[in-house]
Amino acid sequence: MTWSFVPASRFADHASAWDALQSRSSNTPFLEAGFIAPLLKEFGSGRELLALYQPAGELQAAALLRPAGTARWETFQPSQLPLGPWIAAPGLSLQVQLPSLTQALPGWVLSVGATQLDPRLTPRPADSPQLRTQDYIDTPFITVSGHWADFWDVRGKNLRQNTRKQHNKLLAEGTAPVLDCITDARQVDAAMVDYGALESAGWKAGGGTAIHPDNAQGRFYSAMLQNFCKAGRGRIYRYRFGDKVVAMDLCIDNGSMVVVLKTAYDESYRAVSPSTLMRHDQFHLWWEEERFKHIEFYGKTMEWHTRWTDQQRTLYHATVYRWPWLRGVHEQINRRRAAKASATTSA
């Protein structure tokens, strides 16, 4: 196996090869260089490595890795990235590539973890003495097919009635909801100010995770969305009650699949469910456009998702150990930690 390693700070030097491989393998927008490069800039520690498998000089597999403790590595996985940055040409299996990567990494390496993998893109291997997989989350998705009316008619009665009721209530009060779609890169910064205002007024403000133009979150999303808007594949949906912005979605796509990355809404309008009204109008528009075949969320399935779809799949982690006995030791340590945590909780 021919693996080489360069500091992730040199990612730009390999971005075109990365994107070429990504387009013929996972073809997932948030694994493109336009997403990864600003992510590394804002959330990288400087210790990340870019691993490249390129027999005969052609890139066949690649991963971004970070140290995960003594003699352990894992894929670079900030919370803004829905899946681990692991890409491989069709036909290259995880159960072969991951062990070979473990052997090739510099220094003394006991294990390597590939986090948050999608079985649709990276088939889940069977466990072995050296390879362990574990469930991460169930994530929902929607297949866009047929007519909008048919999709809407099979949604739950409560969703349909409540959506109609809230919409009619707004109209009776003289408020006409408006859905904007921002695709111009020059308008991204201003749109992100609106988005940050929604998050800063809600519960995220207390946890310090709200987007702001001057924090890492804000800088990343602005730069990333500008990259995708310049490519014609970035969309910021803004839902207004008159001049008041009450809900927003940040979305990117690959031409046939759209990913809803983040959603925010004005919690003072909770009673009229602005995010639900926005989603109704947004999904209706996507059905009418006939551009997207799949809608992906890549987050944990929540109750509100189940009102819109019953489709989901399980994302997973994979860990390979240098020797089989290490897996047993690691699992024993995890069991002890879980038992200790359980005892502390019940005390």
Protein backbone atom coordinates (compact mmCIF):
# COMPACT_ATOMS: atom_id res chain seq x y z
CA MET A 1 0.00 0.00 0.00
CA THR A 2 1.34 3.42 -0.98
CA TRP A 3 0.31 6.05 1.55
CA SER A 4 2.02 9.42 1.90
CA PHE A 5 1.39 12.19 4.40
CA VAL A 6 1.63 15.98 4.28
CA PRO A 7 0.59 18.61 6.81
CA ALA A 8 -3.06 19.57 6.32
CA SER A 9 -1.87 23.17 5.98
CA ARG A 10 -0.89 22.10 2.45
CA PHE A 11 -4.41 20.93 1.62
CA ALA A 12 -4.73 23.61 -1.09
CA ASP A 13 -1.88 21.96 -3.03
CA HIS A 14 -3.94 18.78 -3.31
CA ALA A 15 -7.43 20.30 -3.51
CA SER A 16 -7.98 19.63 -7.21
CA ALA A 17 -6.96 15.96 -6.90
CA TRP A 18 -9.12 15.65 -3.75
CA ASP A 19 -12.14 17.08 -5.58
CA ALA A 20 -11.60 14.87 -8.61
CA LEU A 21 -11.59 11.76 -6.40
CA GLN A 22 -14.49 13.03 -4.32
CA SER A 23 -16.65 13.66 -7.40
CA ARG A 24 -16.26 10.07 -8.62
CA SER A 25 -16.72 8.50 -5.20
CA SER A 26 -18.93 10.03 -2.52
CA ASN A 27 -19.87 13.14 -4.54
CA THR A 28 -21.01 14.83 -1.34
CA PRO A 29 -20.89 18.65 -1.32
CA PHE A 30 -19.54 19.08 2.21
CA LEU A 31 -16.58 16.82 1.40
CA GLU A 32 -15.47 19.18 -1.37
CA ALA A 33 -12.47 21.44 -1.00
CA GLY A 34 -14.77 24.47 -0.95
CA PHE A 35 -16.09 23.21 2.38
CA ILE A 36 -12.98 21.54 3.80
CA ALA A 37 -10.50 24.38 3.22
CA PRO A 38 -12.33 27.05 5.30
CA LEU A 39 -13.13 24.36 7.90
CA LEU A 40 -9.43 23.60 8.37
CA LYS A 41 -8.63 27.30 8.52
CA GLU A 42 -11.08 28.02 11.32
CA PHE A 43 -11.11 24.77 13.30
CA GLY A 44 -7.85 23.00 12.56
CA SER A 45 -5.28 22.78 15.36
CA GLY A 46 -2.27 22.68 13.03
CA ARG A 47 -1.56 19.05 13.93
CA GLU A 48 -3.77 17.51 11.24
CA LEU A 49 -2.33 15.36 8.46
CA LEU A 50 -3.57 14.83 4.91
CA ALA A 51 -3.19 11.14 4.07
CA LEU A 52 -2.91 10.30 0.36
CA TYR A 53 -3.02 6.86 -1.24
CA GLN A 54 -1.78 7.27 -4.79
CA PRO A 55 -0.38 4.16 -6.45
CA ALA A 56 1.15 4.94 -9.85
CA GLY A 57 0.77 8.64 -9.04
CA GLU A 58 -3.05 8.67 -9.17
CA LEU A 59 -5.01 9.54 -6.05
CA GLN A 60 -7.23 6.61 -5.08
CA ALA A 61 -7.99 7.35 -1.41
CA ALA A 62 -7.51 10.25 0.97
CA ALA A 63 -8.33 11.28 4.50
CA LEU A 64 -7.81 14.17 6.86
CA LEU A 65 -6.55 12.90 10.21
CA ARG A 66 -5.91 14.36 13.65
CA PRO A 67 -4.23 12.97 16.78
CA ALA A 68 -6.80 11.44 19.14
CA GLY A 69 -4.54 10.64 22.09
CA THR A 70 -1.43 8.59 22.71
CA ALA A 71 -0.61 6.55 19.59
CA ARG A 72 -4.15 7.03 18.23
CA TRP A 73 -5.46 8.89 15.19
CA GLU A 74 -8.93 9.63 13.89
CA THR A 75 -10.51 11.56 11.06
CA PHE A 76 -10.73 15.34 11.49
CA GLN A 77 -14.26 15.83 12.79
CA PRO A 78 -15.33 19.31 13.93
CA SER A 79 -19.05 19.58 14.61
CA GLN A 80 -19.64 21.58 11.42
CA LEU A 81 -18.66 18.59 9.25
CA PRO A 82 -21.50 16.04 8.94
CA LEU A 83 -19.31 13.10 7.86
CA GLY A 84 -15.69 12.15 8.42
CA PRO A 85 -13.34 13.31 5.62
CA TRP A 86 -12.59 9.85 4.24
CA ILE A 87 -12.87 9.35 0.47
CA ALA A 88 -11.92 6.37 -1.68
CA ALA A 89 -12.36 5.29 -5.26
CA PRO A 90 -15.14 2.77 -5.94
CA GLY A 91 -13.91 -0.74 -5.26
CA LEU A 92 -11.49 0.20 -2.49
CA SER A 93 -12.86 -1.21 0.75
CA LEU A 94 -12.59 0.32 4.19
CA GLN A 95 -11.56 -3.02 5.71
CA VAL A 96 -8.44 -3.01 3.51
CA GLN A 97 -7.59 0.69 3.38
CA LEU A 98 -7.97 1.49 7.08
CA PRO A 99 -5.55 -1.23 8.30
CA SER A 100 -3.03 -0.25 5.62
CA LEU A 101 -3.27 3.38 6.78
CA THR A 102 -2.61 2.29 10.37
CA GLN A 103 0.56 0.52 9.30
CA ALA A 104 1.75 3.44 7.18
CA LEU A 105 1.24 6.36 9.58
CA PRO A 106 4.47 7.76 11.04
CA GLY A 107 5.39 6.94 14.60
CA TRP A 108 3.94 4.31 16.90
CA VAL A 109 0.25 3.94 16.00
CA LEU A 110 -2.06 1.61 17.93
CA SER A 111 -5.40 2.53 16.33
CA VAL A 112 -7.05 4.70 13.69
CA GLY A 113 -10.70 5.71 13.74
CA ALA A 114 -12.84 6.79 10.80
CA THR A 115 -15.75 8.72 12.27
CA GLN A 116 -19.30 9.44 11.11
CA LEU A 117 -19.37 7.31 7.97
CA ASP A 118 -22.39 6.95 5.70
CA PRO A 119 -23.09 3.35 4.63
CA ARG A 120 -24.57 4.68 1.38
CA LEU A 121 -21.14 6.10 0.51
CA THR A 122 -18.78 3.84 2.47
CA PRO A 123 -20.28 0.34 2.84
CA ARG A 124 -20.17 -0.78 6.45
CA PRO A 125 -17.70 -3.67 6.83
CA ALA A 126 -18.23 -6.68 9.03
CA ASP A 127 -16.46 -6.59 12.38
CA SER A 128 -13.25 -8.58 12.64
CA PRO A 129 -10.67 -9.21 15.37
CA GLN A 130 -8.93 -5.95 14.39
CA LEU A 131 -11.83 -3.88 13.05
CA ARG A 132 -14.76 -2.65 15.11
CA THR A 133 -17.73 -0.63 13.91
CA GLN A 134 -20.35 1.05 16.06
CA ASP A 135 -23.57 2.93 15.41
CA TYR A 136 -23.35 6.71 15.51
CA ILE A 137 -26.82 8.15 14.78
CA ASP A 138 -29.88 7.50 12.66
CA THR A 139 -30.17 10.29 10.11
CA PRO A 140 -33.25 11.14 8.02
CA PHE A 141 -33.50 11.81 4.31
CA ILE A 142 -36.23 12.43 1.75
CA THR A 143 -36.47 11.03 -1.76
CA VAL A 144 -37.94 13.66 -4.10
CA SER A 145 -40.22 11.93 -6.57
CA GLY A 146 -43.72 12.16 -8.00
CA HIS A 147 -45.93 15.18 -7.49
CA TRP A 148 -45.84 17.58 -4.56
CA ALA A 149 -49.55 17.09 -3.89
CA ASP A 150 -49.03 13.34 -3.50
CA PHE A 151 -46.13 13.86 -1.07
CA TRP A 152 -48.05 16.42 0.96
CA ASP A 153 -51.24 14.37 1.07
CA VAL A 154 -49.52 11.46 2.84
CA ARG A 155 -48.01 13.62 5.56
CA GLY A 156 -49.65 13.35 8.96
CA LYS A 157 -53.00 15.01 9.53
CA ASN A 158 -51.64 17.21 12.33
CA LEU A 159 -48.82 18.58 10.19
CA ARG A 160 -51.14 19.41 7.30
CA GLN A 161 -53.86 20.96 9.46
CA ASN A 162 -51.46 22.96 11.65
CA THR A 163 -49.55 24.29 8.66
CA ARG A 164 -52.76 25.42 6.95
CA LYS A 165 -54.11 26.89 10.21
CA GLN A 166 -50.97 28.92 10.97
CA HIS A 167 -50.69 30.16 7.40
CA ASN A 168 -54.32 31.27 7.32
CA LYS A 169 -53.94 32.95 10.72
CA LEU A 170 -51.03 35.04 9.44
CA LEU A 171 -52.95 36.06 6.33
CA ALA A 172 -55.96 37.03 8.44
CA GLU A 173 -53.68 39.28 10.49
CA GLY A 174 -52.40 40.93 7.33
CA THR A 175 -49.03 39.17 7.36
CA ALA A 176 -47.98 37.53 4.10
CA PRO A 177 -45.06 35.08 4.59
CA VAL A 178 -42.31 35.42 1.98
CA LEU A 179 -39.57 32.90 1.16
CA ASP A 180 -36.33 34.36 -0.23
CA CYS A 181 -33.55 32.27 -1.74
CA ILE A 182 -30.11 33.90 -1.70
CA THR A 183 -27.63 32.46 -4.21
CA ASP A 184 -25.41 35.49 -4.90
CA ALA A 185 -22.05 35.21 -3.13
CA ARG A 186 -22.02 38.99 -2.67
CA GLN A 187 -25.11 38.74 -0.44
CA VAL A 188 -23.82 35.97 1.82
CA ASP A 189 -22.22 38.17 4.49
CA ALA A 190 -25.40 40.20 4.97
CA ALA A 191 -27.51 37.04 5.07
CA MET A 192 -25.24 35.55 7.73
CA VAL A 193 -25.78 38.64 9.88
CA ASP A 194 -29.51 37.84 9.75
CA TYR A 195 -28.81 34.21 10.56
CA GLY A 196 -26.57 35.13 13.47
CA ALA A 197 -29.25 37.43 14.85
CA LEU A 198 -31.72 34.51 14.94
CA GLU A 199 -29.26 32.23 16.74
CA SER A 200 -28.04 34.92 19.12
CA ALA A 201 -31.61 35.59 20.25
CA GLY A 202 -32.20 31.91 21.00
CA TRP A 203 -30.84 29.19 23.27
CA LYS A 204 -27.54 28.87 21.38
CA ALA A 205 -26.47 32.30 22.59
CA GLY A 206 -26.19 30.97 26.14
CA GLY A 207 -23.92 28.12 25.05
CA GLY A 208 -21.63 30.35 23.01
CA THR A 209 -22.29 28.39 19.80
CA ALA A 210 -24.31 31.02 17.95
CA ILE A 211 -22.97 32.22 14.60
CA HIS A 212 -21.54 35.74 14.62
CA PRO A 213 -19.61 37.53 11.84
CA ASP A 214 -16.61 37.88 14.16
CA ASN A 215 -16.36 34.32 15.48
CA ALA A 216 -14.97 31.16 13.89
CA GLN A 217 -18.46 29.81 13.19
CA GLY A 218 -19.46 32.94 11.32
CA ARG A 219 -16.23 33.20 9.35
CA PHE A 220 -16.43 29.54 8.32
CA TYR A 221 -20.05 29.58 7.16
CA SER A 222 -19.62 32.86 5.30
CA ALA A 223 -16.49 31.70 3.46
CA MET A 224 -17.91 28.24 2.71
CA LEU A 225 -21.26 29.53 1.45
CA GLN A 226 -19.52 32.10 -0.73
CA ASN A 227 -17.51 29.25 -2.29
CA PHE A 228 -20.66 27.29 -3.06
CA CYS A 229 -22.67 30.29 -4.25
CA LYS A 230 -19.88 31.16 -6.69
CA ALA A 231 -20.19 27.62 -8.02
CA GLY A 232 -24.00 27.97 -8.29
CA ARG A 233 -24.61 25.40 -5.55
CA GLY A 234 -25.16 27.42 -2.39
CA ARG A 235 -28.60 28.46 -1.14
CA ILE A 236 -29.61 30.51 1.88
CA TYR A 237 -33.35 30.41 2.48
CA ARG A 238 -34.80 33.30 4.45
CA TYR A 239 -38.43 33.30 5.61
CA ARG A 240 -39.98 36.65 6.44
CA PHE A 241 -43.15 37.85 8.06
CA GLY A 242 -43.29 41.24 6.34
CA ASP A 243 -39.84 42.75 6.91
CA LYS A 244 -39.09 40.50 9.90
CA VAL A 245 -36.79 37.52 9.29
CA VAL A 246 -38.25 34.63 11.32
CA ALA A 247 -36.48 31.53 9.99
CA MET A 248 -33.50 30.57 7.83
CA ASP A 249 -31.89 27.49 6.29
CA LEU A 250 -28.30 27.13 5.09
CA CYS A 251 -28.08 24.65 2.19
CA ILE A 252 -25.52 23.37 -0.31
CA ASP A 253 -25.96 20.87 -3.12
CA ASN A 254 -24.12 18.74 -5.67
CA GLY A 255 -26.66 19.25 -8.43
CA SER A 256 -28.96 16.37 -7.57
CA MET A 257 -28.76 16.22 -3.76
CA VAL A 258 -29.35 19.16 -1.42
CA VAL A 259 -28.09 19.16 2.17
CA VAL A 260 -29.79 21.24 4.86
CA LEU A 261 -26.77 22.14 7.00
CA LYS A 262 -28.29 24.45 9.60
CA THR A 263 -31.66 25.90 10.58
CA ALA A 264 -32.50 28.81 12.83
CA TYR A 265 -35.78 30.52 13.72
CA ASP A 266 -37.03 33.37 15.88
CA GLU A 267 -38.15 31.71 19.10
CA SER A 268 -40.51 34.58 19.89
CA TYR A 269 -42.66 33.29 16.99
CA ARG A 270 -42.64 29.70 18.23
CA ALA A 271 -46.46 29.67 18.47
CA VAL A 272 -46.79 29.93 14.68
CA SER A 273 -43.98 27.46 13.85
CA PRO A 274 -42.05 29.60 11.34
CA SER A 275 -39.53 26.86 10.54
CA THR A 276 -42.36 24.44 9.66
CA LEU A 277 -44.02 27.03 7.40
CA MET A 278 -40.66 27.75 5.76
CA ARG A 279 -40.01 24.04 5.22
CA HIS A 280 -43.42 23.56 3.60
CA ASP A 281 -42.80 26.35 1.10
CA GLN A 282 -39.18 25.31 0.56
CA PHE A 283 -39.97 21.64 -0.09
CA HIS A 284 -42.84 22.63 -2.37
CA LEU A 285 -40.40 24.77 -4.36
CA TRP A 286 -37.89 21.91 -4.63
CA TRP A 287 -40.57 19.57 -5.95
CA GLU A 288 -41.61 22.15 -8.54
CA GLU A 289 -38.01 22.85 -9.60
CA GLU A 290 -37.41 19.13 -10.27
CA ARG A 291 -33.70 19.72 -9.67
CA PHE A 292 -33.01 17.66 -6.58
CA LYS A 293 -33.61 13.94 -6.19
CA HIS A 294 -32.63 13.71 -2.53
CA ILE A 295 -32.88 15.95 0.52
CA GLU A 296 -30.34 15.14 3.23
CA PHE A 297 -30.13 16.42 6.80
CA TYR A 298 -27.13 14.48 8.14
CA GLY A 299 -28.14 15.16 11.72
CA LYS A 300 -29.77 12.96 14.33
CA THR A 301 -33.36 12.06 13.53
CA MET A 302 -35.62 14.32 15.57
CA GLU A 303 -39.37 14.21 16.12
CA TRP A 304 -39.97 17.00 13.63
CA HIS A 305 -38.10 15.06 10.92
CA THR A 306 -40.54 12.16 11.28
CA ARG A 307 -43.41 14.45 10.30
CA TRP A 308 -41.76 14.87 6.90
CA THR A 309 -40.24 11.45 6.24
CA ASP A 310 -40.00 7.88 7.48
CA GLN A 311 -36.73 7.29 5.61
CA GLN A 312 -33.51 7.06 7.59
CA ARG A 313 -30.23 5.17 7.77
CA THR A 314 -27.60 4.61 10.46
CA LEU A 315 -24.26 6.41 10.28
CA TYR A 316 -21.37 4.59 11.92
CA HIS A 317 -17.81 4.83 13.24
CA ALA A 318 -15.04 2.37 12.36
CA THR A 319 -11.86 1.72 14.34
CA VAL A 320 -8.97 -0.51 13.34
CA TYR A 321 -6.41 -1.78 15.88
CA ARG A 322 -2.80 -2.67 15.20
CA TRP A 323 -3.25 -6.03 16.95
CA PRO A 324 -6.44 -7.97 17.68
CA TRP A 325 -5.86 -8.02 21.44
CA LEU A 326 -5.93 -4.21 21.50
CA ARG A 327 -9.57 -4.24 20.53
CA GLY A 328 -10.41 -6.34 23.60
CA VAL A 329 -8.46 -4.01 25.88
CA HIS A 330 -10.17 -0.94 24.41
CA GLU A 331 -13.63 -2.46 24.80
CA GLN A 332 -12.87 -3.43 28.40
CA ILE A 333 -11.80 0.16 29.18
CA ASN A 334 -14.99 1.49 27.58
CA ARG A 335 -17.13 -0.89 29.64
CA ARG A 336 -15.44 0.24 32.85
CA ARG A 337 -15.93 3.91 31.93
CA ALA A 338 -19.60 3.29 31.14
CA ALA A 339 -20.10 1.44 34.45
CA LYS A 340 -18.39 4.24 36.37
CA ALA A 341 -20.49 6.89 34.63
CA SER A 342 -23.68 4.91 35.36
CA ALA A 343 -22.73 4.55 39.02
CA THR A 344 -22.02 8.28 39.29
CA THR A 345 -25.36 9.15 37.68
CA SER A 346 -27.35 6.89 40.02
CA ALA A 347 -25.51 8.00 43.16
